Amino acid sequence: MPKKSGGKASKKEKATQDESTEKVYRLYRKNLQASGLVMPRKLAEKFLQLRDEKNPGDLNELVVWEEMTSEGMRALAEALKEYDYKFLKEIHLWGAKIEDEGIRALSHYLISNASVTSLDLTNCSIGPLGCEFIGNIFGAGSRNFISKFKLDYNEIGDKGFEMLSEAFRINTTLFELSLGYCQITQESARHLFEVIINKKSQLKSLNLQGNHLRNHGVTILFRGLTVNISIESIDLSDNQFGEEDGVIEAFKNLIKSNRKIKFLNFSFNGFYEEGAQKILEFISMMTENELEQAISLMSLKLPEKVPNELLKAIEKAIKDNKLKKGKTKGKKKGKKKGKKKK
C-alpha cells in the first residue's frame, strides 16, 4: 500500500515540474517577442528537448555561449522569477554580453533562489555597476546556496571589487571563487585582506590569475592568509609580483602559520634563480628544524625562467618535508612509555 502512494506522489510531483518548465518557457518566449529578440540557438534546442511530450524534463543547467544581451537576460530572468523556478542548479554564461543590466535582472531571481549552486559569468561585459547587483546575490539579505562563482574576463576593476568585497567578507556559502583577468590592482589589497580574514568563510579555492596585485598587493594578501582557516588553493599567476624581500618574508610567514594551504601558483611572475633558491632554503630549514611542524603546502608553481633543476629541488624538498615530519611524528608517538615497575 505505501508503495502505491509513493508512486502517485512521484507522478504528481513530476507533472508539477513539467508544468513549471513549460510556464517558464512560454513567458520567456513572450518576453523575447515583446523585445523583438530571438532565443539563443543552444537554449532553444535545450527547451525543445525538455518539452518532449514522451520524455519531458526540467531546466537543471542553463548554458549559453553566444551573445544574449541584457534584454535577453531580462526576458529569461523575469520568467524564472515569476514562477519561482526551483529546478535550475547551474548557470554558465560565456561571452553572453548580458552587461550590468542583465545581471541586475538575474540577481532579482537569484537572491531568493535556493536551487542554484554554480554561477559562471565569464566574459559577460559586466562592470563596476554590475558588481553592486552581484553583491546583492552574495550579501546578507540573500537566501541562495551558491558555492561556485566565476567572473573571469570582466573588467570590474578596483571599484567593482570593492563592491564585491562587501558581500564576500561576510559570505558563508562560497567554496570556489574565480576572478581571473578582472583588472584588480594593488589598490584592492585592503579589501582583499578583509575577504580573506572572514573566519566564517568556507572558501577553499581562490583564482586571481591575470590581475595586477604586484608586490604590495600580494604581501597584504599573504598577511591575511596567515590567519585564514579555509583556503587550500590560490592562483596568483601573471600578477606582476616577484622575489622582492618583503614578498619572500610574507611567503615564509604564510607557510609557517597556515595549516590549510596546499596549492600555490606563482607562474608568469618575477621569480628567478635567486628567489627560488631562497624558497628552497626556507623549506629545507623547515624540514631540518625539529621544532617546526610539517608544512601543508603540496605544490608550488614557479615561472619557467627558474632553472629546471631548482624547480625539481623545490618539489623534492616539499615531499621530503612531508616524509621526514611524518616519521618524526611517528617516533614521538612510539616513545611514550608506561610507568616503571618498582
C-alpha atoms as a PDB file:
ATOM      1  CA  MET A   1       0.000   0.000   0.000  1.00  0.00           C
ATOM      2  CA  PRO A   2       2.689   2.595   0.908  1.00  0.00           C
ATOM      3  CA  LYS A   3       4.474   1.924  -2.413  1.00  0.00           C
ATOM      4  CA  LYS A   4       1.381   2.835  -4.453  1.00  0.00           C
ATOM      5  CA  SER A   5       1.005   6.052  -2.512  1.00  0.00           C
ATOM      6  CA  GLY A   6       4.642   6.936  -3.176  1.00  0.00           C
ATOM      7  CA  GLY A   7       4.222   6.242  -6.888  1.00  0.00           C
ATOM      8  CA  LYS A   8       1.259   8.574  -7.176  1.00  0.00           C
ATOM      9  CA  ALA A   9       3.121  11.295  -5.316  1.00  0.00           C
ATOM     10  CA  SER A  10       6.079  10.957  -7.692  1.00  0.00           C
ATOM     11  CA  LYS A  11       3.847  11.231 -10.772  1.00  0.00           C
ATOM     12  CA  LYS A  12       2.109  14.256  -9.353  1.00  0.00           C
ATOM     13  CA  GLU A  13       5.420  15.907  -8.494  1.00  0.00           C
ATOM     14  CA  LYS A  14       6.776  15.219 -11.995  1.00  0.00           C
ATOM     15  CA  ALA A  15       3.710  16.755 -13.574  1.00  0.00           C
ATOM     16  CA  THR A  16       4.220  19.868 -11.454  1.00  0.00           C
ATOM     17  CA  GLN A  17       7.863  20.118 -12.548  1.00  0.00           C
ATOM     18  CA  ASP A  18       6.966  19.743 -16.230  1.00  0.00           C
ATOM     19  CA  GLU A  19       4.288  22.401 -15.931  1.00  0.00           C
ATOM     20  CA  SER A  20       6.704  24.778 -14.230  1.00  0.00           C
ATOM     21  CA  THR A  21       9.265  24.401 -17.006  1.00  0.00           C
ATOM     22  CA  GLU A  22       6.599  24.889 -19.678  1.00  0.00           C
ATOM     23  CA  LYS A  23       5.354  28.065 -17.989  1.00  0.00           C
ATOM     24  CA  VAL A  24       8.869  29.494 -17.804  1.00  0.00           C
ATOM     25  CA  TYR A  25       9.438  28.707 -21.478  1.00  0.00           C
ATOM     26  CA  ARG A  26       6.208  30.352 -22.607  1.00  0.00           C
ATOM     27  CA  LEU A  27       6.761  33.544 -20.611  1.00  0.00           C
ATOM     28  CA  TYR A  28      10.400  33.715 -21.715  1.00  0.00           C
ATOM     29  CA  ARG A  29       9.361  33.412 -25.367  1.00  0.00           C
ATOM     30  CA  LYS A  30       6.656  36.038 -24.875  1.00  0.00           C
ATOM     31  CA  ASN A  31       9.145  38.452 -23.283  1.00  0.00           C
ATOM     32  CA  LEU A  32      11.582  37.924 -26.151  1.00  0.00           C
ATOM     33  CA  GLN A  33       8.914  38.587 -28.769  1.00  0.00           C
ATOM     34  CA  ALA A  34       7.906  41.790 -26.984  1.00  0.00           C
ATOM     35  CA  SER A  35      11.521  42.992 -27.259  1.00  0.00           C
ATOM     36  CA  GLY A  36      11.992  41.801 -30.828  1.00  0.00           C
ATOM     37  CA  LEU A  37      14.614  39.229 -29.803  1.00  0.00           C
ATOM     38  CA  VAL A  38      15.230  35.581 -30.611  1.00  0.00           C
ATOM     39  CA  MET A  39      16.207  32.800 -28.233  1.00  0.00           C
ATOM     40  CA  PRO A  40      19.886  31.700 -28.277  1.00  0.00           C
ATOM     41  CA  ARG A  41      20.181  28.653 -30.530  1.00  0.00           C
ATOM     42  CA  LYS A  42      21.508  26.195 -27.949  1.00  0.00           C
ATOM     43  CA  LEU A  43      18.941  27.300 -25.381  1.00  0.00           C
ATOM     44  CA  ALA A  44      16.140  26.876 -27.921  1.00  0.00           C
ATOM     45  CA  GLU A  45      17.399  23.351 -28.616  1.00  0.00           C
ATOM     46  CA  LYS A  46      17.508  22.641 -24.887  1.00  0.00           C
ATOM     47  CA  PHE A  47      13.915  23.745 -24.343  1.00  0.00           C
ATOM     48  CA  LEU A  48      12.813  21.668 -27.340  1.00  0.00           C
ATOM     49  CA  GLN A  49      14.347  18.626 -25.679  1.00  0.00           C
ATOM     50  CA  LEU A  50      12.809  19.405 -22.282  1.00  0.00           C
ATOM     51  CA  ARG A  51       9.351  19.894 -23.784  1.00  0.00           C
ATOM     52  CA  ASP A  52       9.295  16.454 -25.422  1.00  0.00           C
ATOM     53  CA  GLU A  53       5.838  15.020 -24.631  1.00  0.00           C
ATOM     54  CA  LYS A  54       7.186  11.477 -24.279  1.00  0.00           C
ATOM     55  CA  ASN A  55      10.126  12.371 -22.062  1.00  0.00           C
ATOM     56  CA  PRO A  56       9.711  15.864 -20.581  1.00  0.00           C
ATOM     57  CA  GLY A  57      12.311  17.297 -18.235  1.00  0.00           C
ATOM     58  CA  ASP A  58      13.376  20.308 -16.194  1.00  0.00           C
ATOM     59  CA  LEU A  59      15.944  23.006 -16.883  1.00  0.00           C
ATOM     60  CA  ASN A  60      18.699  21.976 -14.452  1.00  0.00           C
ATOM     61  CA  GLU A  61      21.589  23.619 -16.288  1.00  0.00           C
ATOM     62  CA  LEU A  62      21.494  26.912 -18.202  1.00  0.00           C
ATOM     63  CA  VAL A  63      24.360  27.064 -20.717  1.00  0.00           C
ATOM     64  CA  VAL A  64      24.767  29.950 -23.188  1.00  0.00           C
ATOM     65  CA  TRP A  65      27.962  30.730 -25.138  1.00  0.00           C
ATOM     66  CA  GLU A  66      26.617  33.226 -27.634  1.00  0.00           C
ATOM     67  CA  GLU A  67      25.546  36.851 -27.316  1.00  0.00           C
ATOM     68  CA  MET A  68      22.378  37.079 -25.252  1.00  0.00           C
ATOM     69  CA  THR A  69      22.269  40.848 -24.490  1.00  0.00           C
ATOM     70  CA  SER A  70      20.927  42.461 -21.331  1.00  0.00           C
ATOM     71  CA  GLU A  71      17.379  42.488 -22.738  1.00  0.00           C
ATOM     72  CA  GLY A  72      17.547  38.776 -23.483  1.00  0.00           C
ATOM     73  CA  MET A  73      18.789  38.034 -19.984  1.00  0.00           C
ATOM     74  CA  ARG A  74      15.997  40.124 -18.517  1.00  0.00           C
ATOM     75  CA  ALA A  75      13.424  38.199 -20.580  1.00  0.00           C
ATOM     76  CA  LEU A  76      14.600  34.890 -19.103  1.00  0.00           C
ATOM     77  CA  ALA A  77      15.256  36.118 -15.557  1.00  0.00           C
ATOM     78  CA  GLU A  78      11.778  37.597 -15.253  1.00  0.00           C
ATOM     79  CA  ALA A  79      10.243  34.280 -16.336  1.00  0.00           C
ATOM     80  CA  LEU A  80      12.342  32.334 -13.820  1.00  0.00           C
ATOM     81  CA  LYS A  81      11.414  34.731 -11.026  1.00  0.00           C
ATOM     82  CA  GLU A  82       7.725  34.877 -11.955  1.00  0.00           C
ATOM     83  CA  TYR A  83       7.315  31.141 -11.397  1.00  0.00           C
ATOM     84  CA  ASP A  84       9.924  30.868  -8.627  1.00  0.00           C
ATOM     85  CA  TYR A  85      11.679  28.204 -10.680  1.00  0.00           C
ATOM     86  CA  LYS A  86      13.296  25.696  -8.304  1.00  0.00           C
ATOM     87  CA  PHE A  87      14.959  23.183 -10.614  1.00  0.00           C
ATOM     88  CA  LEU A  88      17.822  25.232 -12.042  1.00  0.00           C
ATOM     89  CA  LYS A  89      21.144  24.205 -10.442  1.00  0.00           C
ATOM     90  CA  GLU A  90      23.883  25.641 -12.637  1.00  0.00           C
ATOM     91  CA  ILE A  91      24.204  28.797 -14.751  1.00  0.00           C
ATOM     92  CA  HIS A  92      27.058  29.043 -17.279  1.00  0.00           C
ATOM     93  CA  LEU A  93      27.157  32.167 -19.448  1.00  0.00           C
ATOM     94  CA  TRP A  94      30.274  32.570 -21.629  1.00  0.00           C
ATOM     95  CA  GLY A  95      30.563  35.680 -23.769  1.00  0.00           C
ATOM     96  CA  ALA A  96      26.824  36.247 -23.416  1.00  0.00           C
ATOM     97  CA  LYS A  97      27.238  40.039 -23.136  1.00  0.00           C
ATOM     98  CA  ILE A  98      24.485  40.413 -20.556  1.00  0.00           C
ATOM     99  CA  GLU A  99      26.155  43.578 -19.193  1.00  0.00           C
ATOM    100  CA  ASP A 100      25.242  45.315 -15.938  1.00  0.00           C
ATOM    101  CA  GLU A 101      21.513  45.472 -16.611  1.00  0.00           C
ATOM    102  CA  GLY A 102      21.410  41.774 -17.398  1.00  0.00           C
ATOM    103  CA  ILE A 103      22.995  40.816 -14.089  1.00  0.00           C
ATOM    104  CA  ARG A 104      20.625  43.233 -12.351  1.00  0.00           C
ATOM    105  CA  ALA A 105      17.673  41.230 -13.715  1.00  0.00           C
ATOM    106  CA  LEU A 106      19.289  37.879 -12.907  1.00  0.00           C
ATOM    107  CA  SER A 107      20.063  38.999  -9.352  1.00  0.00           C
ATOM    108  CA  HIS A 108      16.357  39.515  -8.631  1.00  0.00           C
ATOM    109  CA  TYR A 109      15.817  35.805  -9.306  1.00  0.00           C
ATOM    110  CA  LEU A 110      18.943  34.527  -7.549  1.00  0.00           C
ATOM    111  CA  ILE A 111      18.555  36.494  -4.309  1.00  0.00           C
ATOM    112  CA  SER A 112      15.561  34.393  -3.276  1.00  0.00           C
ATOM    113  CA  ASN A 113      16.537  31.193  -5.101  1.00  0.00           C
ATOM    114  CA  ALA A 114      17.828  28.172  -3.170  1.00  0.00           C
ATOM    115  CA  SER A 115      18.475  25.707  -6.004  1.00  0.00           C
ATOM    116  CA  VAL A 116      21.346  27.276  -7.974  1.00  0.00           C
ATOM    117  CA  THR A 117      24.761  26.193  -6.656  1.00  0.00           C
ATOM    118  CA  SER A 118      27.073  27.266  -9.508  1.00  0.00           C
ATOM    119  CA  LEU A 119      27.201  30.651 -11.285  1.00  0.00           C
ATOM    120  CA  ASP A 120      29.624  31.296 -14.170  1.00  0.00           C
ATOM    121  CA  LEU A 121      29.581  34.734 -15.831  1.00  0.00           C
ATOM    122  CA  THR A 122      32.791  34.547 -17.884  1.00  0.00           C
ATOM    123  CA  ASN A 123      33.357  37.438 -20.315  1.00  0.00           C
ATOM    124  CA  CYS A 124      29.843  38.865 -19.994  1.00  0.00           C
ATOM    125  CA  SER A 125      30.736  42.594 -20.271  1.00  0.00           C
ATOM    126  CA  ILE A 126      29.992  43.216 -16.594  1.00  0.00           C
ATOM    127  CA  GLY A 127      31.483  46.339 -14.994  1.00  0.00           C
ATOM    128  CA  PRO A 128      31.557  48.033 -11.567  1.00  0.00           C
ATOM    129  CA  LEU A 129      27.801  48.722 -11.550  1.00  0.00           C
ATOM    130  CA  GLY A 130      27.078  45.049 -12.183  1.00  0.00           C
ATOM    131  CA  CYS A 131      29.192  44.186  -9.136  1.00  0.00           C
ATOM    132  CA  GLU A 132      26.695  46.033  -6.968  1.00  0.00           C
ATOM    133  CA  PHE A 133      23.994  43.598  -8.123  1.00  0.00           C
ATOM    134  CA  ILE A 134      26.316  40.604  -7.736  1.00  0.00           C
ATOM    135  CA  GLY A 135      26.974  41.808  -4.198  1.00  0.00           C
ATOM    136  CA  ASN A 136      23.253  41.577  -3.542  1.00  0.00           C
ATOM    137  CA  ILE A 137      23.320  37.932  -4.668  1.00  0.00           C
ATOM    138  CA  PHE A 138      26.009  37.035  -2.134  1.00  0.00           C
ATOM    139  CA  GLY A 139      25.161  39.547   0.595  1.00  0.00           C
ATOM    140  CA  ALA A 140      23.403  39.274   3.935  1.00  0.00           C
ATOM    141  CA  GLY A 141      19.861  39.515   2.560  1.00  0.00           C
ATOM    142  CA  SER A 142      20.250  36.680   0.059  1.00  0.00           C
ATOM    143  CA  ARG A 143      18.873  33.174   0.579  1.00  0.00           C
ATOM    144  CA  ASN A 144      20.870  31.322  -2.070  1.00  0.00           C
ATOM    145  CA  PHE A 145      23.394  28.494  -1.649  1.00  0.00           C
ATOM    146  CA  ILE A 146      25.803  29.281  -4.489  1.00  0.00           C
ATOM    147  CA  SER A 147      29.113  27.538  -3.771  1.00  0.00           C
ATOM    148  CA  LYS A 148      30.944  28.213  -7.061  1.00  0.00           C
ATOM    149  CA  PHE A 149      31.228  31.665  -8.644  1.00  0.00           C
ATOM    150  CA  LYS A 150      33.273  32.664 -11.687  1.00  0.00           C
ATOM    151  CA  LEU A 151      33.580  36.208 -13.045  1.00  0.00           C
ATOM    152  CA  ASP A 152      36.683  35.859 -15.246  1.00  0.00           C
ATOM    153  CA  TYR A 153      37.369  38.328 -18.063  1.00  0.00           C
ATOM    154  CA  ASN A 154      35.022  41.056 -16.852  1.00  0.00           C
ATOM    155  CA  GLU A 155      36.694  44.447 -16.371  1.00  0.00           C
ATOM    156  CA  ILE A 156      35.278  45.211 -12.946  1.00  0.00           C
ATOM    157  CA  GLY A 157      38.435  46.969 -11.688  1.00  0.00           C
ATOM    158  CA  ASP A 158      39.060  48.093  -8.120  1.00  0.00           C
ATOM    159  CA  LYS A 159      35.731  49.884  -7.851  1.00  0.00           C
ATOM    160  CA  GLY A 160      33.889  46.715  -8.783  1.00  0.00           C
ATOM    161  CA  PHE A 161      35.918  44.542  -6.418  1.00  0.00           C
ATOM    162  CA  GLU A 162      35.224  46.940  -3.548  1.00  0.00           C
ATOM    163  CA  MET A 163      31.501  46.344  -4.044  1.00  0.00           C
ATOM    164  CA  LEU A 164      32.008  42.584  -4.253  1.00  0.00           C
ATOM    165  CA  SER A 165      34.160  42.547  -1.120  1.00  0.00           C
ATOM    166  CA  GLU A 166      31.344  43.947   0.993  1.00  0.00           C
ATOM    167  CA  ALA A 167      29.423  40.739   0.300  1.00  0.00           C
ATOM    168  CA  PHE A 168      32.332  38.270   0.181  1.00  0.00           C
ATOM    169  CA  ARG A 169      33.693  39.284   3.586  1.00  0.00           C
ATOM    170  CA  ILE A 170      30.510  38.017   5.258  1.00  0.00           C
ATOM    171  CA  ASN A 171      29.633  35.197   2.846  1.00  0.00           C
ATOM    172  CA  THR A 172      29.471  31.641   4.208  1.00  0.00           C
ATOM    173  CA  THR A 173      28.382  29.615   1.142  1.00  0.00           C
ATOM    174  CA  LEU A 174      31.178  30.068  -1.411  1.00  0.00           C
ATOM    175  CA  PHE A 175      33.701  27.246  -1.833  1.00  0.00           C
ATOM    176  CA  GLU A 176      35.242  28.352  -5.137  1.00  0.00           C
ATOM    177  CA  LEU A 177      35.771  31.957  -6.282  1.00  0.00           C
ATOM    178  CA  SER A 178      37.381  32.878  -9.613  1.00  0.00           C
ATOM    179  CA  LEU A 179      38.175  36.494 -10.516  1.00  0.00           C
ATOM    180  CA  GLY A 180      40.753  35.987 -13.265  1.00  0.00           C
ATOM    181  CA  TYR A 181      41.651  38.913 -15.536  1.00  0.00           C
ATOM    182  CA  CYS A 182      39.293  41.361 -13.837  1.00  0.00           C
ATOM    183  CA  GLN A 183      41.654  44.387 -13.773  1.00  0.00           C
ATOM    184  CA  ILE A 184      42.055  44.184  -9.984  1.00  0.00           C
ATOM    185  CA  THR A 185      45.156  46.076  -8.782  1.00  0.00           C
ATOM    186  CA  GLN A 186      47.134  46.577  -5.582  1.00  0.00           C
ATOM    187  CA  GLU A 187      44.629  49.299  -4.675  1.00  0.00           C
ATOM    188  CA  SER A 188      42.232  46.473  -3.766  1.00  0.00           C
ATOM    189  CA  ALA A 189      44.698  44.884  -1.335  1.00  0.00           C
ATOM    190  CA  ARG A 190      42.881  46.055   1.781  1.00  0.00           C
ATOM    191  CA  HIS A 191      39.500  44.821   0.544  1.00  0.00           C
ATOM    192  CA  LEU A 192      41.050  41.502  -0.452  1.00  0.00           C
ATOM    193  CA  PHE A 193      42.551  41.231   3.035  1.00  0.00           C
ATOM    194  CA  GLU A 194      39.110  41.745   4.606  1.00  0.00           C
ATOM    195  CA  VAL A 195      37.644  38.962   2.450  1.00  0.00           C
ATOM    196  CA  ILE A 196      40.468  36.572   3.347  1.00  0.00           C
ATOM    197  CA  ILE A 197      40.190  37.041   7.132  1.00  0.00           C
ATOM    198  CA  ASN A 198      36.476  36.181   7.239  1.00  0.00           C
ATOM    199  CA  LYS A 199      36.578  33.430   9.878  1.00  0.00           C
ATOM    200  CA  LYS A 200      33.170  32.078   8.881  1.00  0.00           C
ATOM    201  CA  SER A 201      34.223  31.699   5.256  1.00  0.00           C
ATOM    202  CA  GLN A 202      34.075  28.261   3.611  1.00  0.00           C
ATOM    203  CA  LEU A 203      36.214  29.383   0.651  1.00  0.00           C
ATOM    204  CA  LYS A 204      38.682  26.685  -0.450  1.00  0.00           C
ATOM    205  CA  SER A 205      39.792  27.830  -3.903  1.00  0.00           C
ATOM    206  CA  LEU A 206      40.647  31.406  -4.970  1.00  0.00           C
ATOM    207  CA  ASN A 207      41.703  32.305  -8.526  1.00  0.00           C
ATOM    208  CA  LEU A 208      43.183  35.783  -9.051  1.00  0.00           C
ATOM    209  CA  GLN A 209      45.114  34.988 -12.229  1.00  0.00           C
ATOM    210  CA  GLY A 210      45.920  37.816 -14.627  1.00  0.00           C
ATOM    211  CA  ASN A 211      45.306  40.759 -12.301  1.00  0.00           C
ATOM    212  CA  HIS A 212      47.770  43.452 -11.161  1.00  0.00           C
ATOM    213  CA  LEU A 213      48.294  42.889  -7.432  1.00  0.00           C
ATOM    214  CA  ARG A 214      52.061  43.436  -7.649  1.00  0.00           C
ATOM    215  CA  ASN A 215      54.389  43.150  -4.651  1.00  0.00           C
ATOM    216  CA  HIS A 216      52.309  45.286  -2.307  1.00  0.00           C
ATOM    217  CA  GLY A 217      49.006  43.579  -3.041  1.00  0.00           C
ATOM    218  CA  VAL A 218      50.425  40.067  -2.762  1.00  0.00           C
ATOM    219  CA  THR A 219      52.194  40.913   0.509  1.00  0.00           C
ATOM    220  CA  ILE A 220      48.923  42.118   2.044  1.00  0.00           C
ATOM    221  CA  LEU A 221      47.167  39.007   0.723  1.00  0.00           C
ATOM    222  CA  PHE A 222      49.784  36.744   2.343  1.00  0.00           C
ATOM    223  CA  ARG A 223      49.315  38.531   5.665  1.00  0.00           C
ATOM    224  CA  GLY A 224      45.616  37.820   5.551  1.00  0.00           C
ATOM    225  CA  LEU A 225      46.262  34.185   4.699  1.00  0.00           C
ATOM    226  CA  THR A 226      48.288  33.685   7.879  1.00  0.00           C
ATOM    227  CA  VAL A 227      45.007  33.721   9.813  1.00  0.00           C
ATOM    228  CA  ASN A 228      42.767  32.155   7.163  1.00  0.00           C
ATOM    229  CA  ILE A 229      41.485  28.695   8.096  1.00  0.00           C
ATOM    230  CA  SER A 230      39.740  27.516   4.919  1.00  0.00           C
ATOM    231  CA  ILE A 231      41.621  28.308   1.676  1.00  0.00           C
ATOM    232  CA  GLU A 232      43.596  25.411   0.178  1.00  0.00           C
ATOM    233  CA  SER A 233      44.395  26.658  -3.332  1.00  0.00           C
ATOM    234  CA  ILE A 234      45.355  30.086  -4.729  1.00  0.00           C
ATOM    235  CA  ASP A 235      46.240  31.003  -8.306  1.00  0.00           C
ATOM    236  CA  LEU A 236      48.324  34.198  -8.458  1.00  0.00           C
ATOM    237  CA  SER A 237      49.852  33.595 -11.883  1.00  0.00           C
ATOM    238  CA  ASP A 238      50.515  36.679 -14.027  1.00  0.00           C
ATOM    239  CA  ASN A 239      50.093  39.264 -11.247  1.00  0.00           C
ATOM    240  CA  GLN A 240      53.267  41.345 -11.736  1.00  0.00           C
ATOM    241  CA  PHE A 241      54.967  40.460  -8.438  1.00  0.00           C
ATOM    242  CA  GLY A 242      58.304  38.845  -7.732  1.00  0.00           C
ATOM    243  CA  GLU A 243      61.134  37.891  -5.413  1.00  0.00           C
ATOM    244  CA  GLU A 244      61.362  41.196  -3.550  1.00  0.00           C
ATOM    245  CA  ASP A 245      62.427  40.702   0.104  1.00  0.00           C
ATOM    246  CA  GLY A 246      59.047  41.759   1.508  1.00  0.00           C
ATOM    247  CA  VAL A 247      57.238  39.218  -0.669  1.00  0.00           C
ATOM    248  CA  ILE A 248      59.626  36.402   0.299  1.00  0.00           C
ATOM    249  CA  GLU A 249      59.257  37.171   4.016  1.00  0.00           C
ATOM    250  CA  ALA A 250      55.467  37.330   3.741  1.00  0.00           C
ATOM    251  CA  PHE A 251      55.544  33.982   1.908  1.00  0.00           C
ATOM    252  CA  LYS A 252      57.631  32.426   4.697  1.00  0.00           C
ATOM    253  CA  ASN A 253      55.245  33.670   7.378  1.00  0.00           C
ATOM    254  CA  LEU A 254      52.314  32.309   5.385  1.00  0.00           C
ATOM    255  CA  ILE A 255      53.825  28.826   5.105  1.00  0.00           C
ATOM    256  CA  LYS A 256      54.798  28.807   8.788  1.00  0.00           C
ATOM    257  CA  SER A 257      51.411  29.955  10.059  1.00  0.00           C
ATOM    258  CA  ASN A 258      48.847  28.488   7.675  1.00  0.00           C
ATOM    259  CA  ARG A 259      47.928  24.802   8.068  1.00  0.00           C
ATOM    260  CA  LYS A 260      45.451  24.636   5.177  1.00  0.00           C
ATOM    261  CA  ILE A 261      47.176  25.988   2.075  1.00  0.00           C
ATOM    262  CA  LYS A 262      48.158  23.195  -0.333  1.00  0.00           C
ATOM    263  CA  PHE A 263      48.486  24.671  -3.818  1.00  0.00           C
ATOM    264  CA  LEU A 264      50.102  27.979  -4.845  1.00  0.00           C
ATOM    265  CA  ASN A 265      50.603  29.152  -8.428  1.00  0.00           C
ATOM    266  CA  PHE A 266      53.198  31.918  -8.987  1.00  0.00           C
ATOM    267  CA  SER A 267      53.674  31.286 -12.736  1.00  0.00           C
ATOM    268  CA  PHE A 268      54.358  34.219 -15.106  1.00  0.00           C
ATOM    269  CA  ASN A 269      55.682  36.458 -12.343  1.00  0.00           C
ATOM    270  CA  GLY A 270      59.124  37.877 -11.494  1.00  0.00           C
ATOM    271  CA  PHE A 271      60.777  34.875  -9.840  1.00  0.00           C
ATOM    272  CA  TYR A 272      64.261  33.856 -10.920  1.00  0.00           C
ATOM    273  CA  GLU A 273      67.095  31.704  -9.609  1.00  0.00           C
ATOM    274  CA  GLU A 274      67.830  33.892  -6.575  1.00  0.00           C
ATOM    275  CA  GLY A 275      64.255  33.954  -5.294  1.00  0.00           C
ATOM    276  CA  ALA A 276      63.722  30.259  -5.957  1.00  0.00           C
ATOM    277  CA  GLN A 277      66.930  29.456  -4.056  1.00  0.00           C
ATOM    278  CA  LYS A 278      65.624  31.375  -1.028  1.00  0.00           C
ATOM    279  CA  ILE A 279      62.384  29.392  -1.150  1.00  0.00           C
ATOM    280  CA  LEU A 280      64.310  26.116  -1.348  1.00  0.00           C
ATOM    281  CA  GLU A 281      66.497  27.032   1.629  1.00  0.00           C
ATOM    282  CA  PHE A 282      63.444  28.027   3.651  1.00  0.00           C
ATOM    283  CA  ILE A 283      61.566  24.770   3.005  1.00  0.00           C
ATOM    284  CA  SER A 284      64.701  22.752   3.791  1.00  0.00           C
ATOM    285  CA  MET A 285      65.137  24.681   7.040  1.00  0.00           C
ATOM    286  CA  MET A 286      61.524  23.963   7.990  1.00  0.00           C
ATOM    287  CA  THR A 287      62.246  20.269   7.487  1.00  0.00           C
ATOM    288  CA  GLU A 288      65.504  20.170   9.476  1.00  0.00           C
ATOM    289  CA  ASN A 289      64.201  22.233  12.402  1.00  0.00           C
ATOM    290  CA  GLU A 290      62.672  19.744  14.852  1.00  0.00           C
ATOM    291  CA  LEU A 291      60.589  22.475  16.461  1.00  0.00           C
ATOM    292  CA  GLU A 292      58.715  23.196  13.224  1.00  0.00           C
ATOM    293  CA  GLN A 293      55.630  21.241  12.165  1.00  0.00           C
ATOM    294  CA  ALA A 294      55.174  19.790   8.688  1.00  0.00           C
ATOM    295  CA  ILE A 295      54.099  22.379   6.141  1.00  0.00           C
ATOM    296  CA  SER A 296      50.702  21.958   4.486  1.00  0.00           C
ATOM    297  CA  LEU A 297      51.999  23.054   1.058  1.00  0.00           C
ATOM    298  CA  MET A 298      51.907  20.264  -1.544  1.00  0.00           C
ATOM    299  CA  SER A 299      52.596  22.140  -4.786  1.00  0.00           C
ATOM    300  CA  LEU A 300      54.270  25.452  -5.665  1.00  0.00           C
ATOM    301  CA  LYS A 301      54.339  26.501  -9.325  1.00  0.00           C
ATOM    302  CA  LEU A 302      57.080  28.975 -10.242  1.00  0.00           C
ATOM    303  CA  PRO A 303      57.866  30.635 -13.609  1.00  0.00           C
ATOM    304  CA  GLU A 304      59.686  28.657 -16.309  1.00  0.00           C
ATOM    305  CA  LYS A 305      62.516  31.199 -16.055  1.00  0.00           C
ATOM    306  CA  VAL A 306      63.645  29.396 -12.887  1.00  0.00           C
ATOM    307  CA  PRO A 307      66.244  26.686 -13.727  1.00  0.00           C
ATOM    308  CA  ASN A 308      64.598  23.295 -14.085  1.00  0.00           C
ATOM    309  CA  GLU A 309      66.930  21.596 -11.592  1.00  0.00           C
ATOM    310  CA  LEU A 310      65.943  24.190  -8.988  1.00  0.00           C
ATOM    311  CA  LEU A 311      62.243  23.628  -9.652  1.00  0.00           C
ATOM    312  CA  LYS A 312      62.757  19.904  -9.155  1.00  0.00           C
ATOM    313  CA  ALA A 313      64.743  20.536  -5.965  1.00  0.00           C
ATOM    314  CA  ILE A 314      61.869  22.591  -4.507  1.00  0.00           C
ATOM    315  CA  GLU A 315      59.382  19.895  -5.472  1.00  0.00           C
ATOM    316  CA  LYS A 316      61.573  17.286  -3.746  1.00  0.00           C
ATOM    317  CA  ALA A 317      62.026  19.492  -0.671  1.00  0.00           C
ATOM    318  CA  ILE A 318      58.254  19.759  -0.253  1.00  0.00           C
ATOM    319  CA  LYS A 319      57.896  15.972  -0.475  1.00  0.00           C
ATOM    320  CA  ASP A 320      60.825  15.414   1.916  1.00  0.00           C
ATOM    321  CA  ASN A 321      59.194  17.710   4.447  1.00  0.00           C
ATOM    322  CA  LYS A 322      56.089  15.530   4.462  1.00  0.00           C
ATOM    323  CA  LEU A 323      58.097  12.303   4.702  1.00  0.00           C
ATOM    324  CA  LYS A 324      60.534  13.369   7.426  1.00  0.00           C
ATOM    325  CA  LYS A 325      57.995  15.186   9.554  1.00  0.00           C
ATOM    326  CA  GLY A 326      55.689  12.198   9.254  1.00  0.00           C
ATOM    327  CA  LYS A 327      58.416   9.865  10.519  1.00  0.00           C
ATOM    328  CA  THR A 328      59.300  12.235  13.356  1.00  0.00           C
ATOM    329  CA  LYS A 329      55.669  12.373  14.417  1.00  0.00           C
ATOM    330  CA  GLY A 330      55.534   8.571  14.396  1.00  0.00           C
ATOM    331  CA  LYS A 331      58.670   8.289  16.532  1.00  0.00           C
ATOM    332  CA  LYS A 332      57.322  10.732  19.117  1.00  0.00           C
ATOM    333  CA  LYS A 333      54.180   8.651  19.463  1.00  0.00           C
ATOM    334  CA  GLY A 334      56.277   5.488  19.824  1.00  0.00           C
ATOM    335  CA  LYS A 335      58.411   6.972  22.603  1.00  0.00           C
ATOM    336  CA  LYS A 336      55.537   7.041  25.053  1.00  0.00           C
ATOM    337  CA  LYS A 337      56.327   4.600  27.878  1.00  0.00           C
ATOM    338  CA  GLY A 338      54.309   3.114  30.669  1.00  0.00           C
ATOM    339  CA  LYS A 339      55.071   3.627  34.351  1.00  0.00           C
ATOM    340  CA  LYS A 340      58.224   1.932  35.614  1.00  0.00           C
ATOM    341  CA  LYS A 341      57.673  -1.016  37.911  1.00  0.00           C
ATOM    342  CA  LYS A 342      59.158  -0.572  41.357  1.00  0.00           C
END
